[in-house]
Amino acid sequence: MTTENSAGSTLSPRASEAVKRSLTPRQEAASRDVDTLIRCGRELLTRGEPARVADIVAAAGLSNDAFYRYFKSKGDFVDAVVEEGGHRLVRYLRHKIDQAADPDAALRAGIAAVLNQAVDPEIAAATRNVVSSAATRNVVSSAGGRSHAPKVREDLEKAVAEVLAGPIADLGSADPQRDSLTTSILLLAVMEHLLWRDASTFDADAEVEQIVGYARRGLRTS
């Protein structure tokens, strides 16, 4: 007996499983290829190297055909590298918040984790190189279509807000969803502002405390 699945297929359950088994190895291979391309591309970009498609596939040990099988263009690939970096940041942010002893310490740890991308000289240099590549990609793509980058940024703002919502709620916010999103947008904007400044011209700890105090005063408590 056959059944119709959500995609409209009339394959039987056993036949559907056979299709899944045939696709699994290809999906795993594709996952490995994409992971390798992004890792190699990130390493090239963070070093400030040109990272042409030829350079990326050479570092990954793959072909141009493989690259364009997964990415529509070099710009699409750069967006993927930026997005992956955002996921890494969110994981680090969550780890630091989970380690904190109380909500106040959690908020401070979360803010410090994000701003560290700009105030730590080594991390900041790598971040600047990737952001510069993304900015160049946006200029090039503006004549030929909308960049994915605004969506990447919006998703990062929401992901950071989701992690910050816990301590912000625990600190007494009457609207933790809005307060956490506002804090996330502010925090990422400050991070970008500091990213392009000479680290010797500001006190990193003072910057963290300034944003912590600003965020605390801005919480809408009941």
Protein backbone atom coordinates (compact mmCIF):
# COMPACT_ATOMS: atom_id res chain seq x y z
CA MET A 1 0.00 0.00 0.00
CA THR A 2 1.32 3.43 -0.89
CA THR A 3 0.85 6.66 1.03
CA GLU A 4 1.14 10.26 -0.09
CA ASN A 5 3.74 12.23 1.89
CA SER A 6 3.86 15.99 2.46
CA ALA A 7 5.79 16.53 -0.79
CA GLY A 8 3.10 14.76 -2.81
CA SER A 9 5.09 11.56 -3.40
CA THR A 10 3.23 8.25 -3.65
CA LEU A 11 6.22 6.15 -2.61
CA SER A 12 5.55 3.53 0.01
CA PRO A 13 7.28 3.92 3.40
CA ARG A 14 9.80 1.19 2.51
CA ALA A 15 10.56 2.84 -0.84
CA SER A 16 10.91 6.23 0.88
CA GLU A 17 13.44 4.73 3.28
CA ALA A 18 15.36 3.32 0.31
CA VAL A 19 15.56 6.83 -1.18
CA LYS A 20 16.78 8.26 2.15
CA ARG A 21 19.48 5.59 2.37
CA SER A 22 20.71 6.46 -1.12
CA LEU A 23 20.82 10.17 -0.32
CA THR A 24 22.51 9.93 3.08
CA PRO A 25 26.07 9.27 1.84
CA ARG A 26 25.78 12.16 -0.63
CA GLN A 27 24.45 14.46 2.06
CA GLU A 28 27.29 13.51 4.37
CA ALA A 29 29.84 14.10 1.61
CA ALA A 30 28.27 17.46 0.80
CA SER A 31 28.35 18.42 4.47
CA ARG A 32 32.05 17.57 4.66
CA ASP A 33 32.81 19.52 1.48
CA VAL A 34 30.96 22.63 2.62
CA ASP A 35 32.54 22.48 6.08
CA THR A 36 36.00 22.20 4.51
CA LEU A 37 35.37 25.07 2.08
CA ILE A 38 34.11 27.38 4.82
CA ARG A 39 36.95 26.48 7.18
CA CYS A 40 39.61 27.05 4.52
CA GLY A 41 37.91 30.22 3.30
CA ARG A 42 37.69 31.57 6.84
CA GLU A 43 41.39 30.90 7.41
CA LEU A 44 42.31 32.76 4.22
CA LEU A 45 39.98 35.68 4.91
CA THR A 46 41.05 36.11 8.54
CA ARG A 47 44.66 36.36 7.39
CA GLY A 48 43.65 39.15 5.03
CA GLU A 49 44.54 37.20 1.91
CA PRO A 50 42.64 37.77 -1.39
CA ALA A 51 40.90 34.38 -1.15
CA ARG A 52 39.92 33.97 -4.78
CA VAL A 53 37.77 30.94 -5.57
CA ALA A 54 40.91 29.27 -6.97
CA ASP A 55 42.70 29.87 -3.65
CA ILE A 56 39.79 28.54 -1.61
CA VAL A 57 39.35 25.32 -3.57
CA ALA A 58 43.11 24.74 -3.63
CA ALA A 59 43.27 25.05 0.16
CA ALA A 60 40.24 22.76 0.51
CA GLY A 61 41.54 20.18 -1.97
CA LEU A 62 38.38 20.49 -4.04
CA SER A 63 37.48 21.71 -7.52
CA ASN A 64 35.81 24.80 -8.95
CA ASP A 65 32.89 22.57 -9.92
CA ALA A 66 32.51 21.49 -6.32
CA PHE A 67 32.59 25.11 -5.12
CA TYR A 68 29.83 26.21 -7.49
CA ARG A 69 27.80 23.12 -6.70
CA TYR A 70 27.32 24.52 -3.21
CA PHE A 71 27.65 28.30 -3.64
CA LYS A 72 26.13 30.51 -6.31
CA SER A 73 29.05 32.94 -6.26
CA LYS A 74 32.08 34.12 -4.31
CA GLY A 75 29.81 36.65 -2.59
CA ASP A 76 27.38 33.92 -1.56
CA PHE A 77 30.33 32.04 -0.08
CA VAL A 78 31.55 35.09 1.87
CA ASP A 79 28.06 35.50 3.31
CA ALA A 80 28.21 31.86 4.41
CA VAL A 81 31.58 32.45 6.12
CA VAL A 82 30.18 35.51 7.92
CA GLU A 83 27.08 33.57 8.96
CA GLU A 84 29.20 30.69 10.26
CA GLY A 85 31.26 33.19 12.26
CA GLY A 86 28.03 34.49 13.77
CA HIS A 87 27.05 30.98 14.82
CA ARG A 88 30.44 30.54 16.48
CA LEU A 89 29.97 33.83 18.33
CA VAL A 90 26.52 32.80 19.57
CA ARG A 91 27.85 29.46 20.84
CA TYR A 92 30.65 31.29 22.69
CA LEU A 93 28.16 33.82 24.07
CA ARG A 94 25.89 31.06 25.34
CA HIS A 95 28.84 29.27 26.95
CA LYS A 96 29.95 32.41 28.81
CA ILE A 97 26.42 33.20 30.01
CA ASP A 98 25.86 29.61 31.17
CA GLN A 99 29.02 29.82 33.28
CA ALA A 100 27.93 33.00 35.09
CA ALA A 101 26.95 32.85 38.73
CA ASP A 102 23.96 35.24 38.58
CA PRO A 103 21.94 37.27 36.05
CA ASP A 104 24.03 40.41 36.48
CA ALA A 105 27.25 38.48 35.89
CA ALA A 106 25.59 36.70 32.95
CA LEU A 107 24.68 39.99 31.26
CA ARG A 108 28.18 41.35 31.83
CA ALA A 109 29.75 38.13 30.50
CA GLY A 110 27.53 38.21 27.42
CA ILE A 111 28.36 41.81 26.62
CA ALA A 112 32.07 41.18 27.15
CA ALA A 113 31.93 38.11 24.88
CA VAL A 114 30.53 40.15 21.98
CA LEU A 115 32.75 43.20 22.48
CA ASN A 116 35.77 40.91 22.74
CA GLN A 117 35.47 40.48 18.96
CA ALA A 118 36.59 44.12 18.70
CA VAL A 119 38.75 44.73 21.75
CA ASP A 120 41.00 41.65 21.56
CA PRO A 121 43.69 42.70 19.04
CA GLU A 122 44.12 39.28 17.41
CA ILE A 123 40.41 38.53 17.17
CA ALA A 124 39.66 42.07 16.00
CA ALA A 125 42.20 41.86 13.17
CA ALA A 126 40.66 38.61 11.93
CA THR A 127 37.12 39.99 12.24
CA ARG A 128 38.05 43.15 10.33
CA ASN A 129 39.40 41.11 7.44
CA VAL A 130 36.24 39.03 7.15
CA VAL A 131 33.96 42.06 7.54
CA SER A 132 35.97 43.92 4.87
CA SER A 133 35.45 41.04 2.46
CA ALA A 134 31.73 41.05 3.18
CA ALA A 135 31.55 44.83 2.71
CA THR A 136 33.31 44.56 -0.64
CA ARG A 137 30.89 41.82 -1.62
CA ASN A 138 27.95 44.14 -0.79
CA VAL A 139 29.29 46.94 -2.99
CA VAL A 140 29.83 44.56 -5.91
CA SER A 141 26.42 42.92 -5.54
CA SER A 142 24.42 46.14 -5.15
CA ALA A 143 24.23 46.62 -8.92
CA GLY A 144 23.27 43.04 -9.62
CA GLY A 145 20.82 42.18 -6.86
CA ARG A 146 20.22 42.28 -3.13
CA SER A 147 22.98 40.90 -0.96
CA HIS A 148 22.21 38.18 1.54
CA ALA A 149 24.24 40.12 4.13
CA PRO A 150 21.35 42.16 5.64
CA LYS A 151 19.51 38.89 6.35
CA VAL A 152 22.69 37.42 7.85
CA ARG A 153 22.96 40.44 10.16
CA GLU A 154 19.29 40.31 11.13
CA ASP A 155 19.57 36.61 11.98
CA LEU A 156 22.64 37.31 14.14
CA GLU A 157 20.84 40.10 16.01
CA LYS A 158 17.95 37.72 16.75
CA ALA A 159 20.27 34.88 17.80
CA VAL A 160 22.24 37.10 20.19
CA ALA A 161 18.97 38.50 21.56
CA GLU A 162 17.67 34.99 22.21
CA VAL A 163 20.72 34.20 24.35
CA LEU A 164 20.56 37.53 26.21
CA ALA A 165 16.83 37.16 26.92
CA GLY A 166 17.43 34.76 29.83
CA PRO A 167 19.55 37.04 32.03
CA ILE A 168 17.57 40.11 30.95
CA ALA A 169 14.32 38.44 32.09
CA ASP A 170 15.99 37.38 35.33
CA LEU A 171 17.02 40.99 35.93
CA GLY A 172 13.36 41.99 36.03
CA SER A 173 12.57 43.11 32.50
CA ALA A 174 8.84 43.40 31.87
CA ASP A 175 9.46 42.86 28.15
CA PRO A 176 12.57 40.66 27.83
CA GLN A 177 11.98 39.93 24.14
CA ARG A 178 12.12 43.57 23.10
CA ASP A 179 14.75 44.53 25.63
CA SER A 180 17.04 41.71 24.55
CA LEU A 181 16.67 42.58 20.84
CA THR A 182 17.36 46.26 21.55
CA THR A 183 20.42 45.28 23.60
CA SER A 184 21.61 42.92 20.87
CA ILE A 185 21.33 45.56 18.13
CA LEU A 186 23.13 48.12 20.31
CA LEU A 187 25.82 45.65 21.30
CA LEU A 188 26.63 44.58 17.75
CA ALA A 189 26.70 48.22 16.61
CA VAL A 190 29.15 49.12 19.39
CA MET A 191 31.26 46.10 18.52
CA GLU A 192 31.49 47.27 14.91
CA HIS A 193 32.27 50.84 16.03
CA LEU A 194 35.15 49.66 18.21
CA LEU A 195 36.35 47.22 15.57
CA TRP A 196 37.71 50.05 13.40
CA ARG A 197 39.33 52.01 16.22
CA ASP A 198 42.88 51.64 17.45
CA ALA A 199 42.62 49.44 20.58
CA SER A 200 45.20 51.65 22.31
CA THR A 201 42.77 54.59 22.23
CA PHE A 202 40.14 53.07 24.52
CA ASP A 203 39.84 51.05 27.71
CA ALA A 204 38.25 47.70 26.85
CA ASP A 205 36.96 47.07 30.39
CA ALA A 206 35.47 50.57 30.55
CA GLU A 207 33.66 49.97 27.26
CA VAL A 208 32.12 46.78 28.63
CA GLU A 209 31.02 48.50 31.85
CA GLN A 210 29.53 51.41 29.89
CA ILE A 211 27.31 49.09 27.83
CA VAL A 212 26.41 46.98 30.89
CA GLY A 213 25.28 50.10 32.74
CA TYR A 214 23.40 51.43 29.72
CA ALA A 215 21.61 48.13 29.22
CA ARG A 216 20.70 47.83 32.91
CA ARG A 217 19.27 51.35 33.01
CA GLY A 218 17.30 50.70 29.82
CA LEU A 219 15.46 47.61 31.04
CA ARG A 220 11.72 48.12 31.34
CA THR A 221 10.88 46.68 34.74
CA SER A 222 7.41 46.06 36.05
